[in-house]
Amino acid sequence: MGEVGKTYALSITNEGETYTSKTSILAPIPPVTSYWLPEPGTPNHGYSWRALTDPSNQFDGYFWEANIIGYGNGNTNLADTGFEPTFSPAFDDTFFDGLTFNFCYENRFAHGSTPDEFRGFYEMGDTVGIKLSKIDNTAYEFYKKNTFSFKRLRIFLQRLPTSQTI
């Protein structure tokens, strides 16, 4: 498990080519608060919100993920969905440097049999895990450009046998 403040290196050699990378785990920015609000016209459905105070006069990149742990609609299927990136998971502080602000995040798991008018909303009573990672500019640029590819790679890696080495 990684530790805040430590730097980690990765080196991969494949067919005579070596690829290297280095990153650090940055100190997280604690939330001011997290809450849920119903959307007008849908009293039992709404977005989850978070308030955050961004440090001033420095680059701050963020990567946002959510996990539904339990459902509030009486559904007894409490299967953990696992943390998944939201629809636009990478963002930076270009427009809010040094400010305290509120932002909402959508329920990326509300699909399939969910009626159109409730897609993207959480239902009142849902139990949601949220993870907001602090990332450097290099990671931000990568995620901003490759979120879809990253999600496909993660699905591929999850399907590999545990003894498989890449």
C-alpha atoms as a PDB file:
ATOM      1  CA  MET A   1       0.000   0.000   0.000  1.00  0.00           C
ATOM      2  CA  GLY A   2       1.374   3.419  -0.917  1.00  0.00           C
ATOM      3  CA  GLU A   3       2.141   6.162   1.586  1.00  0.00           C
ATOM      4  CA  VAL A   4       1.610   9.907   1.350  1.00  0.00           C
ATOM      5  CA  GLY A   5       4.840  11.752   0.634  1.00  0.00           C
ATOM      6  CA  LYS A   6       6.724   8.780  -0.777  1.00  0.00           C
ATOM      7  CA  THR A   7       7.928   8.491  -4.365  1.00  0.00           C
ATOM      8  CA  TYR A   8       7.476   5.307  -6.377  1.00  0.00           C
ATOM      9  CA  ALA A   9       9.189   4.186  -9.573  1.00  0.00           C
ATOM     10  CA  LEU A  10       8.083   1.725 -12.230  1.00  0.00           C
ATOM     11  CA  SER A  11      10.245   0.166 -14.914  1.00  0.00           C
ATOM     12  CA  ILE A  12       8.894  -2.140 -17.616  1.00  0.00           C
ATOM     13  CA  THR A  13      11.021  -3.887 -20.217  1.00  0.00           C
ATOM     14  CA  ASN A  14       9.203  -5.350 -23.200  1.00  0.00           C
ATOM     15  CA  GLU A  15      10.784  -6.618 -26.398  1.00  0.00           C
ATOM     16  CA  GLY A  16      14.035  -4.799 -25.684  1.00  0.00           C
ATOM     17  CA  GLU A  17      12.355  -1.459 -24.909  1.00  0.00           C
ATOM     18  CA  THR A  18      12.423  -0.077 -21.369  1.00  0.00           C
ATOM     19  CA  TYR A  19       9.747   2.276 -20.097  1.00  0.00           C
ATOM     20  CA  THR A  20      10.123   4.088 -16.791  1.00  0.00           C
ATOM     21  CA  SER A  21       7.874   6.252 -14.695  1.00  0.00           C
ATOM     22  CA  LYS A  22       8.004   7.930 -11.307  1.00  0.00           C
ATOM     23  CA  THR A  23       5.270   9.437  -9.149  1.00  0.00           C
ATOM     24  CA  SER A  24       4.581  10.545  -5.596  1.00  0.00           C
ATOM     25  CA  ILE A  25       1.491  10.183  -3.485  1.00  0.00           C
ATOM     26  CA  LEU A  26       0.475  13.735  -2.640  1.00  0.00           C
ATOM     27  CA  ALA A  27      -1.145  14.787   0.631  1.00  0.00           C
ATOM     28  CA  PRO A  28      -4.926  14.644   0.235  1.00  0.00           C
ATOM     29  CA  ILE A  29      -7.094  17.727   0.620  1.00  0.00           C
ATOM     30  CA  PRO A  30      -9.714  16.919   3.276  1.00  0.00           C
ATOM     31  CA  PRO A  31     -13.330  17.742   2.454  1.00  0.00           C
ATOM     32  CA  VAL A  32     -15.081  20.571   4.253  1.00  0.00           C
ATOM     33  CA  THR A  33     -18.297  18.561   4.058  1.00  0.00           C
ATOM     34  CA  SER A  34     -20.114  15.959   1.959  1.00  0.00           C
ATOM     35  CA  TYR A  35     -23.879  15.868   1.508  1.00  0.00           C
ATOM     36  CA  TRP A  36     -26.774  14.858  -0.740  1.00  0.00           C
ATOM     37  CA  LEU A  37     -29.483  17.162  -2.098  1.00  0.00           C
ATOM     38  CA  PRO A  38     -32.631  16.205  -3.986  1.00  0.00           C
ATOM     39  CA  GLU A  39     -33.071  17.700  -7.438  1.00  0.00           C
ATOM     40  CA  PRO A  40     -36.163  19.862  -7.996  1.00  0.00           C
ATOM     41  CA  GLY A  41     -39.054  17.684  -9.140  1.00  0.00           C
ATOM     42  CA  THR A  42     -37.364  14.464  -7.949  1.00  0.00           C
ATOM     43  CA  PRO A  43     -37.583  14.540  -4.137  1.00  0.00           C
ATOM     44  CA  ASN A  44     -36.059  11.077  -3.699  1.00  0.00           C
ATOM     45  CA  HIS A  45     -33.253  11.480  -6.262  1.00  0.00           C
ATOM     46  CA  GLY A  46     -30.362  13.918  -6.469  1.00  0.00           C
ATOM     47  CA  TYR A  47     -26.642  14.465  -6.714  1.00  0.00           C
ATOM     48  CA  SER A  48     -24.064  13.938  -4.003  1.00  0.00           C
ATOM     49  CA  TRP A  49     -22.123  17.089  -3.190  1.00  0.00           C
ATOM     50  CA  ARG A  50     -18.804  17.922  -1.624  1.00  0.00           C
ATOM     51  CA  ALA A  51     -17.297  21.168  -0.368  1.00  0.00           C
ATOM     52  CA  LEU A  52     -13.546  21.553  -0.744  1.00  0.00           C
ATOM     53  CA  THR A  53     -11.035  24.257   0.161  1.00  0.00           C
ATOM     54  CA  ASP A  54      -8.332  24.367  -2.495  1.00  0.00           C
ATOM     55  CA  PRO A  55      -4.826  25.524  -1.502  1.00  0.00           C
ATOM     56  CA  SER A  56      -3.899  28.818  -3.169  1.00  0.00           C
ATOM     57  CA  ASN A  57      -1.059  29.771  -5.522  1.00  0.00           C
ATOM     58  CA  GLN A  58      -0.111  26.260  -6.621  1.00  0.00           C
ATOM     59  CA  PHE A  59      -1.276  23.679  -9.160  1.00  0.00           C
ATOM     60  CA  ASP A  60      -3.768  21.253  -7.683  1.00  0.00           C
ATOM     61  CA  GLY A  61      -5.115  18.368  -9.731  1.00  0.00           C
ATOM     62  CA  TYR A  62      -7.795  15.990  -8.525  1.00  0.00           C
ATOM     63  CA  PHE A  63      -9.128  12.569  -9.517  1.00  0.00           C
ATOM     64  CA  TRP A  64     -12.654  11.713  -8.397  1.00  0.00           C
ATOM     65  CA  GLU A  65     -14.104   8.215  -7.812  1.00  0.00           C
ATOM     66  CA  ALA A  66     -17.312   6.886  -6.251  1.00  0.00           C
ATOM     67  CA  ASN A  67     -18.497   3.554  -4.875  1.00  0.00           C
ATOM     68  CA  ILE A  68     -22.050   2.531  -3.988  1.00  0.00           C
ATOM     69  CA  ILE A  69     -21.870   0.448  -0.833  1.00  0.00           C
ATOM     70  CA  GLY A  70     -25.626   0.067  -0.212  1.00  0.00           C
ATOM     71  CA  TYR A  71     -28.896   1.104  -1.795  1.00  0.00           C
ATOM     72  CA  GLY A  72     -31.614   3.118  -0.071  1.00  0.00           C
ATOM     73  CA  ASN A  73     -34.540   1.790  -2.114  1.00  0.00           C
ATOM     74  CA  GLY A  74     -35.011  -1.378  -0.121  1.00  0.00           C
ATOM     75  CA  ASN A  75     -32.793  -3.321  -2.516  1.00  0.00           C
ATOM     76  CA  THR A  76     -31.124  -5.968  -0.409  1.00  0.00           C
ATOM     77  CA  ASN A  77     -28.300  -6.450  -2.918  1.00  0.00           C
ATOM     78  CA  LEU A  78     -25.530  -4.687  -1.024  1.00  0.00           C
ATOM     79  CA  ALA A  79     -22.789  -5.803  -3.399  1.00  0.00           C
ATOM     80  CA  ASP A  80     -19.960  -3.302  -3.316  1.00  0.00           C
ATOM     81  CA  THR A  81     -19.618  -1.698  -6.772  1.00  0.00           C
ATOM     82  CA  GLY A  82     -15.941  -0.887  -6.192  1.00  0.00           C
ATOM     83  CA  PHE A  83     -14.495   2.564  -6.735  1.00  0.00           C
ATOM     84  CA  GLU A  84     -14.998   3.758 -10.306  1.00  0.00           C
ATOM     85  CA  PRO A  85     -14.130   7.112 -11.888  1.00  0.00           C
ATOM     86  CA  THR A  86     -17.067   9.484 -12.301  1.00  0.00           C
ATOM     87  CA  PHE A  87     -17.982  10.726 -15.798  1.00  0.00           C
ATOM     88  CA  SER A  88     -15.355  13.511 -15.699  1.00  0.00           C
ATOM     89  CA  PRO A  89     -12.981  12.295 -13.013  1.00  0.00           C
ATOM     90  CA  ALA A  90      -9.906  14.504 -13.556  1.00  0.00           C
ATOM     91  CA  PHE A  91     -10.045  18.236 -12.902  1.00  0.00           C
ATOM     92  CA  ASP A  92      -7.713  20.981 -11.770  1.00  0.00           C
ATOM     93  CA  ASP A  93      -8.025  24.241  -9.856  1.00  0.00           C
ATOM     94  CA  THR A  94      -7.783  26.634 -12.807  1.00  0.00           C
ATOM     95  CA  PHE A  95     -11.134  28.232 -11.945  1.00  0.00           C
ATOM     96  CA  PHE A  96     -11.128  27.916  -8.144  1.00  0.00           C
ATOM     97  CA  ASP A  97      -7.502  28.315  -6.974  1.00  0.00           C
ATOM     98  CA  GLY A  98      -7.524  29.107  -3.254  1.00  0.00           C
ATOM     99  CA  LEU A  99     -11.322  29.062  -2.898  1.00  0.00           C
ATOM    100  CA  THR A 100     -13.793  26.985  -0.943  1.00  0.00           C
ATOM    101  CA  PHE A 101     -16.417  25.675  -3.333  1.00  0.00           C
ATOM    102  CA  ASN A 102     -19.191  23.105  -3.667  1.00  0.00           C
ATOM    103  CA  PHE A 103     -19.405  20.627  -6.503  1.00  0.00           C
ATOM    104  CA  CYS A 104     -21.643  17.703  -7.294  1.00  0.00           C
ATOM    105  CA  TYR A 105     -20.865  14.323  -8.743  1.00  0.00           C
ATOM    106  CA  GLU A 106     -23.164  12.039 -10.599  1.00  0.00           C
ATOM    107  CA  ASN A 107     -24.042   8.422 -10.020  1.00  0.00           C
ATOM    108  CA  ARG A 108     -22.277   6.638 -12.829  1.00  0.00           C
ATOM    109  CA  PHE A 109     -23.899   3.366 -11.738  1.00  0.00           C
ATOM    110  CA  ALA A 110     -27.469   4.647 -12.401  1.00  0.00           C
ATOM    111  CA  HIS A 111     -28.005   3.047 -15.785  1.00  0.00           C
ATOM    112  CA  GLY A 112     -29.626  -0.011 -17.300  1.00  0.00           C
ATOM    113  CA  SER A 113     -33.093  -0.271 -15.764  1.00  0.00           C
ATOM    114  CA  THR A 114     -32.910   3.229 -14.235  1.00  0.00           C
ATOM    115  CA  PRO A 115     -35.607   5.482 -15.761  1.00  0.00           C
ATOM    116  CA  ASP A 116     -34.128   8.294 -17.863  1.00  0.00           C
ATOM    117  CA  GLU A 117     -35.318  11.028 -15.478  1.00  0.00           C
ATOM    118  CA  PHE A 118     -33.234   9.494 -12.650  1.00  0.00           C
ATOM    119  CA  ARG A 119     -30.027   8.648 -14.527  1.00  0.00           C
ATOM    120  CA  GLY A 120     -26.998  10.203 -12.904  1.00  0.00           C
ATOM    121  CA  PHE A 121     -28.790  10.708  -9.585  1.00  0.00           C
ATOM    122  CA  TYR A 122     -28.337   8.916  -6.294  1.00  0.00           C
ATOM    123  CA  GLU A 123     -31.474   7.749  -4.530  1.00  0.00           C
ATOM    124  CA  MET A 124     -32.233   9.011  -1.035  1.00  0.00           C
ATOM    125  CA  GLY A 125     -30.683   6.564   1.428  1.00  0.00           C
ATOM    126  CA  ASP A 126     -27.938   5.246  -0.857  1.00  0.00           C
ATOM    127  CA  THR A 127     -24.643   4.698   0.961  1.00  0.00           C
ATOM    128  CA  VAL A 128     -21.832   6.073  -1.162  1.00  0.00           C
ATOM    129  CA  GLY A 129     -18.068   5.928  -0.715  1.00  0.00           C
ATOM    130  CA  ILE A 130     -16.170   8.824  -2.264  1.00  0.00           C
ATOM    131  CA  LYS A 131     -12.472   9.140  -3.014  1.00  0.00           C
ATOM    132  CA  LEU A 132     -10.861  12.385  -4.121  1.00  0.00           C
ATOM    133  CA  SER A 133      -7.171  11.901  -4.889  1.00  0.00           C
ATOM    134  CA  LYS A 134      -4.716  14.777  -5.183  1.00  0.00           C
ATOM    135  CA  ILE A 135      -2.648  14.364  -8.351  1.00  0.00           C
ATOM    136  CA  ASP A 136       0.249  16.257  -9.925  1.00  0.00           C
ATOM    137  CA  ASN A 137       0.112  17.963 -13.318  1.00  0.00           C
ATOM    138  CA  THR A 138       1.587  14.976 -15.189  1.00  0.00           C
ATOM    139  CA  ALA A 139      -1.048  12.613 -13.783  1.00  0.00           C
ATOM    140  CA  TYR A 140      -3.785  15.196 -14.413  1.00  0.00           C
ATOM    141  CA  GLU A 141      -2.820  15.542 -18.086  1.00  0.00           C
ATOM    142  CA  PHE A 142      -2.696  11.753 -18.448  1.00  0.00           C
ATOM    143  CA  TYR A 143      -6.110  11.168 -16.858  1.00  0.00           C
ATOM    144  CA  LYS A 144      -7.688  14.092 -18.694  1.00  0.00           C
ATOM    145  CA  LYS A 145      -6.659  12.596 -22.032  1.00  0.00           C
ATOM    146  CA  ASN A 146      -6.916   8.879 -21.241  1.00  0.00           C
ATOM    147  CA  THR A 147      -9.744   8.286 -18.777  1.00  0.00           C
ATOM    148  CA  PHE A 148     -11.650   5.999 -21.147  1.00  0.00           C
ATOM    149  CA  SER A 149      -8.493   4.058 -22.043  1.00  0.00           C
ATOM    150  CA  PHE A 150      -7.535   3.863 -18.365  1.00  0.00           C
ATOM    151  CA  LYS A 151     -10.908   2.344 -17.450  1.00  0.00           C
ATOM    152  CA  ARG A 152     -10.545  -0.238 -20.225  1.00  0.00           C
ATOM    153  CA  LEU A 153      -7.002  -1.061 -19.029  1.00  0.00           C
ATOM    154  CA  ARG A 154      -8.231  -1.524 -15.460  1.00  0.00           C
ATOM    155  CA  ILE A 155     -10.980  -3.897 -16.644  1.00  0.00           C
ATOM    156  CA  PHE A 156      -8.335  -5.862 -18.570  1.00  0.00           C
ATOM    157  CA  LEU A 157      -6.003  -6.015 -15.546  1.00  0.00           C
ATOM    158  CA  GLN A 158      -8.817  -7.169 -13.266  1.00  0.00           C
ATOM    159  CA  ARG A 159      -9.489 -10.094 -15.600  1.00  0.00           C
ATOM    160  CA  LEU A 160      -5.889 -11.372 -15.548  1.00  0.00           C
ATOM    161  CA  PRO A 161      -5.133 -14.435 -13.419  1.00  0.00           C
ATOM    162  CA  THR A 162      -3.495 -13.374 -10.164  1.00  0.00           C
ATOM    163  CA  SER A 163      -0.277 -15.130 -11.141  1.00  0.00           C
ATOM    164  CA  GLN A 164      -0.053 -13.210 -14.440  1.00  0.00           C
ATOM    165  CA  THR A 165       2.802 -10.720 -14.724  1.00  0.00           C
ATOM    166  CA  ILE A 166       2.791  -7.830 -17.145  1.00  0.00           C
END
